[in-house]
Amino acid sequence: MPGLLLRKSRRFPLITRDTARPQGGGRAAPGSAPATARQWPFLAVVGGVALGLLIVSLDGFRLGTALIGLSLLAGAALRWALPEVGMLAVRSRFTDLLTYGGLGAVILLLSLMVQPDPWIKLPFLQDVVHFTVR
């Protein structure tokens, strides 16, 4: 009987005491490096997005939003290429790639289609807007 009482349950605990780190969420540099060097992938993406937002606020909408989209695409590339990316790893690698890459591609595509004088034209989107707005 005593062996049965010491047996651990395979159920999840009612109260969790820790959270698992996302896949690839370790330091991007050794622990002896300064915090900025350990988190350089995250800081590069956030810096690019912040610069894009600054350019948008200074009346450079197309260039700023294109920079935001490119920064997110760079984040997806870093997440895919590097084994450890620090705080850039939020979810699983697949979900991060899908999120950063998808949002970056959509933002970049929309920034290239901004009126007046769009750099690219996609006729099917005009039909979508025509049927959804009316």
C-alpha atoms as a PDB file:
ATOM      1  CA  MET A   1       0.000   0.000   0.000  1.00  0.00           C
ATOM      2  CA  PRO A   2       2.695   2.627   0.719  1.00  0.00           C
ATOM      3  CA  GLY A   3       3.975   2.355  -2.892  1.00  0.00           C
ATOM      4  CA  LEU A   4       0.576   3.348  -4.215  1.00  0.00           C
ATOM      5  CA  LEU A   5       0.412   6.477  -2.082  1.00  0.00           C
ATOM      6  CA  LEU A   6       3.809   7.812  -3.282  1.00  0.00           C
ATOM      7  CA  ARG A   7       2.971   7.371  -6.936  1.00  0.00           C
ATOM      8  CA  LYS A   8       2.816  10.662  -8.865  1.00  0.00           C
ATOM      9  CA  SER A   9      -0.258  11.496 -10.862  1.00  0.00           C
ATOM     10  CA  ARG A  10       0.031  11.943 -14.623  1.00  0.00           C
ATOM     11  CA  ARG A  11      -2.569  14.706 -14.575  1.00  0.00           C
ATOM     12  CA  PHE A  12      -1.602  18.320 -15.031  1.00  0.00           C
ATOM     13  CA  PRO A  13      -1.392  20.240 -11.749  1.00  0.00           C
ATOM     14  CA  LEU A  14      -4.257  22.523 -10.842  1.00  0.00           C
ATOM     15  CA  ILE A  15      -1.863  25.386 -10.156  1.00  0.00           C
ATOM     16  CA  THR A  16       1.053  25.882 -12.528  1.00  0.00           C
ATOM     17  CA  ARG A  17       4.238  27.305 -11.130  1.00  0.00           C
ATOM     18  CA  ASP A  18       6.224  27.871 -14.322  1.00  0.00           C
ATOM     19  CA  THR A  19       5.817  28.622 -18.008  1.00  0.00           C
ATOM     20  CA  ALA A  20       7.725  26.810 -20.699  1.00  0.00           C
ATOM     21  CA  ARG A  21      10.014  28.931 -22.835  1.00  0.00           C
ATOM     22  CA  PRO A  22       9.037  29.060 -26.530  1.00  0.00           C
ATOM     23  CA  GLN A  23      11.054  26.972 -28.961  1.00  0.00           C
ATOM     24  CA  GLY A  24      14.204  28.954 -29.783  1.00  0.00           C
ATOM     25  CA  GLY A  25      13.564  31.440 -26.999  1.00  0.00           C
ATOM     26  CA  GLY A  26      17.067  31.209 -25.542  1.00  0.00           C
ATOM     27  CA  ARG A  27      19.695  33.917 -25.659  1.00  0.00           C
ATOM     28  CA  ALA A  28      21.005  34.954 -29.079  1.00  0.00           C
ATOM     29  CA  ALA A  29      24.432  35.585 -27.515  1.00  0.00           C
ATOM     30  CA  PRO A  30      26.295  34.137 -24.501  1.00  0.00           C
ATOM     31  CA  GLY A  31      25.043  34.982 -21.020  1.00  0.00           C
ATOM     32  CA  SER A  32      28.154  37.075 -20.341  1.00  0.00           C
ATOM     33  CA  ALA A  33      27.201  39.492 -23.163  1.00  0.00           C
ATOM     34  CA  PRO A  34      25.188  42.626 -22.366  1.00  0.00           C
ATOM     35  CA  ALA A  35      21.403  42.391 -22.560  1.00  0.00           C
ATOM     36  CA  THR A  36      21.274  44.312 -25.843  1.00  0.00           C
ATOM     37  CA  ALA A  37      23.641  41.823 -27.491  1.00  0.00           C
ATOM     38  CA  ARG A  38      21.618  38.881 -26.169  1.00  0.00           C
ATOM     39  CA  GLN A  39      18.410  40.275 -27.677  1.00  0.00           C
ATOM     40  CA  TRP A  40      19.741  41.706 -30.960  1.00  0.00           C
ATOM     41  CA  PRO A  41      17.203  39.925 -33.250  1.00  0.00           C
ATOM     42  CA  PHE A  42      14.277  41.349 -31.296  1.00  0.00           C
ATOM     43  CA  LEU A  43      15.841  44.815 -31.102  1.00  0.00           C
ATOM     44  CA  ALA A  44      16.566  44.817 -34.843  1.00  0.00           C
ATOM     45  CA  VAL A  45      12.924  44.071 -35.701  1.00  0.00           C
ATOM     46  CA  VAL A  46      11.510  46.507 -33.139  1.00  0.00           C
ATOM     47  CA  GLY A  47      13.992  49.170 -34.271  1.00  0.00           C
ATOM     48  CA  GLY A  48      12.919  48.749 -37.894  1.00  0.00           C
ATOM     49  CA  VAL A  49       9.234  48.979 -36.966  1.00  0.00           C
ATOM     50  CA  ALA A  50       9.893  52.041 -34.779  1.00  0.00           C
ATOM     51  CA  LEU A  51      11.816  53.734 -37.600  1.00  0.00           C
ATOM     52  CA  GLY A  52       8.952  52.928 -39.966  1.00  0.00           C
ATOM     53  CA  LEU A  53       6.436  54.464 -37.560  1.00  0.00           C
ATOM     54  CA  LEU A  54       8.627  57.565 -37.242  1.00  0.00           C
ATOM     55  CA  ILE A  55       8.762  57.907 -41.034  1.00  0.00           C
ATOM     56  CA  VAL A  56       4.957  57.505 -41.213  1.00  0.00           C
ATOM     57  CA  SER A  57       4.538  60.232 -38.585  1.00  0.00           C
ATOM     58  CA  LEU A  58       6.776  62.540 -40.666  1.00  0.00           C
ATOM     59  CA  ASP A  59       4.438  62.166 -43.662  1.00  0.00           C
ATOM     60  CA  GLY A  60       6.238  59.339 -45.438  1.00  0.00           C
ATOM     61  CA  PHE A  61       3.379  56.842 -45.372  1.00  0.00           C
ATOM     62  CA  ARG A  62       4.391  54.547 -48.229  1.00  0.00           C
ATOM     63  CA  LEU A  63       8.064  54.350 -47.242  1.00  0.00           C
ATOM     64  CA  GLY A  64       7.290  53.938 -43.535  1.00  0.00           C
ATOM     65  CA  THR A  65       4.745  51.174 -43.970  1.00  0.00           C
ATOM     66  CA  ALA A  66       7.029  49.403 -46.447  1.00  0.00           C
ATOM     67  CA  LEU A  67       9.798  49.516 -43.823  1.00  0.00           C
ATOM     68  CA  ILE A  68       7.417  48.073 -41.212  1.00  0.00           C
ATOM     69  CA  GLY A  69       6.503  45.208 -43.553  1.00  0.00           C
ATOM     70  CA  LEU A  70      10.145  44.549 -44.419  1.00  0.00           C
ATOM     71  CA  SER A  71      11.067  44.543 -40.718  1.00  0.00           C
ATOM     72  CA  LEU A  72       8.444  41.888 -39.996  1.00  0.00           C
ATOM     73  CA  LEU A  73       9.651  39.830 -42.958  1.00  0.00           C
ATOM     74  CA  ALA A  74      13.196  40.157 -41.593  1.00  0.00           C
ATOM     75  CA  GLY A  75      11.864  38.947 -38.227  1.00  0.00           C
ATOM     76  CA  ALA A  76      10.423  35.874 -39.941  1.00  0.00           C
ATOM     77  CA  ALA A  77      13.749  35.252 -41.693  1.00  0.00           C
ATOM     78  CA  LEU A  78      15.669  35.588 -38.418  1.00  0.00           C
ATOM     79  CA  ARG A  79      13.216  33.280 -36.662  1.00  0.00           C
ATOM     80  CA  TRP A  80      13.690  30.694 -39.404  1.00  0.00           C
ATOM     81  CA  ALA A  81      17.480  30.977 -39.751  1.00  0.00           C
ATOM     82  CA  LEU A  82      18.711  31.331 -36.171  1.00  0.00           C
ATOM     83  CA  PRO A  83      18.423  28.583 -33.546  1.00  0.00           C
ATOM     84  CA  GLU A  84      18.059  31.064 -30.655  1.00  0.00           C
ATOM     85  CA  VAL A  85      16.434  34.481 -31.113  1.00  0.00           C
ATOM     86  CA  GLY A  86      15.667  35.606 -27.572  1.00  0.00           C
ATOM     87  CA  MET A  87      12.438  37.558 -27.112  1.00  0.00           C
ATOM     88  CA  LEU A  88      11.642  37.366 -30.831  1.00  0.00           C
ATOM     89  CA  ALA A  89      10.411  33.847 -30.068  1.00  0.00           C
ATOM     90  CA  VAL A  90       6.890  34.281 -28.764  1.00  0.00           C
ATOM     91  CA  ARG A  91       5.159  31.077 -29.833  1.00  0.00           C
ATOM     92  CA  SER A  92       6.285  27.957 -31.654  1.00  0.00           C
ATOM     93  CA  ARG A  93       8.672  28.481 -34.579  1.00  0.00           C
ATOM     94  CA  PHE A  94       5.970  27.616 -37.132  1.00  0.00           C
ATOM     95  CA  THR A  95       3.441  30.036 -35.630  1.00  0.00           C
ATOM     96  CA  ASP A  96       6.011  32.834 -35.394  1.00  0.00           C
ATOM     97  CA  LEU A  97       7.041  32.303 -39.025  1.00  0.00           C
ATOM     98  CA  LEU A  98       3.422  32.331 -40.133  1.00  0.00           C
ATOM     99  CA  THR A  99       2.575  35.423 -38.070  1.00  0.00           C
ATOM    100  CA  TYR A 100       5.658  37.541 -38.833  1.00  0.00           C
ATOM    101  CA  GLY A 101       5.787  36.488 -42.477  1.00  0.00           C
ATOM    102  CA  GLY A 102       2.055  36.842 -43.119  1.00  0.00           C
ATOM    103  CA  LEU A 103       1.699  40.229 -41.451  1.00  0.00           C
ATOM    104  CA  GLY A 104       4.909  41.492 -43.050  1.00  0.00           C
ATOM    105  CA  ALA A 105       3.815  40.394 -46.536  1.00  0.00           C
ATOM    106  CA  VAL A 106       0.338  41.913 -46.182  1.00  0.00           C
ATOM    107  CA  ILE A 107       1.651  45.226 -44.812  1.00  0.00           C
ATOM    108  CA  LEU A 108       4.303  45.428 -47.547  1.00  0.00           C
ATOM    109  CA  LEU A 109       1.764  44.578 -50.264  1.00  0.00           C
ATOM    110  CA  LEU A 110      -0.699  47.183 -49.018  1.00  0.00           C
ATOM    111  CA  SER A 111       2.023  49.818 -48.753  1.00  0.00           C
ATOM    112  CA  LEU A 112       2.917  49.239 -52.399  1.00  0.00           C
ATOM    113  CA  MET A 113      -0.737  49.636 -53.414  1.00  0.00           C
ATOM    114  CA  VAL A 114      -1.363  52.965 -51.645  1.00  0.00           C
ATOM    115  CA  GLN A 115      -3.114  55.593 -53.781  1.00  0.00           C
ATOM    116  CA  PRO A 116      -2.261  57.871 -55.581  1.00  0.00           C
ATOM    117  CA  ASP A 117       0.168  56.310 -58.042  1.00  0.00           C
ATOM    118  CA  PRO A 118       0.424  52.785 -56.640  1.00  0.00           C
ATOM    119  CA  TRP A 119       3.678  50.977 -57.382  1.00  0.00           C
ATOM    120  CA  ILE A 120       1.760  47.759 -58.068  1.00  0.00           C
ATOM    121  CA  LYS A 121      -1.816  47.180 -59.186  1.00  0.00           C
ATOM    122  CA  LEU A 122      -3.845  44.076 -58.389  1.00  0.00           C
ATOM    123  CA  PRO A 123      -7.140  44.220 -60.308  1.00  0.00           C
ATOM    124  CA  PHE A 124      -8.885  41.522 -58.283  1.00  0.00           C
ATOM    125  CA  LEU A 125      -8.545  43.660 -55.142  1.00  0.00           C
ATOM    126  CA  GLN A 126     -10.471  46.472 -56.830  1.00  0.00           C
ATOM    127  CA  ASP A 127     -13.302  43.985 -57.414  1.00  0.00           C
ATOM    128  CA  VAL A 128     -13.154  42.869 -53.777  1.00  0.00           C
ATOM    129  CA  VAL A 129     -13.369  46.466 -52.565  1.00  0.00           C
ATOM    130  CA  HIS A 130     -16.138  47.234 -55.056  1.00  0.00           C
ATOM    131  CA  PHE A 131     -18.332  44.352 -53.853  1.00  0.00           C
ATOM    132  CA  THR A 132     -17.627  44.745 -50.126  1.00  0.00           C
ATOM    133  CA  VAL A 133     -17.965  48.527 -49.802  1.00  0.00           C
ATOM    134  CA  ARG A 134     -21.149  48.959 -51.818  1.00  0.00           C
END
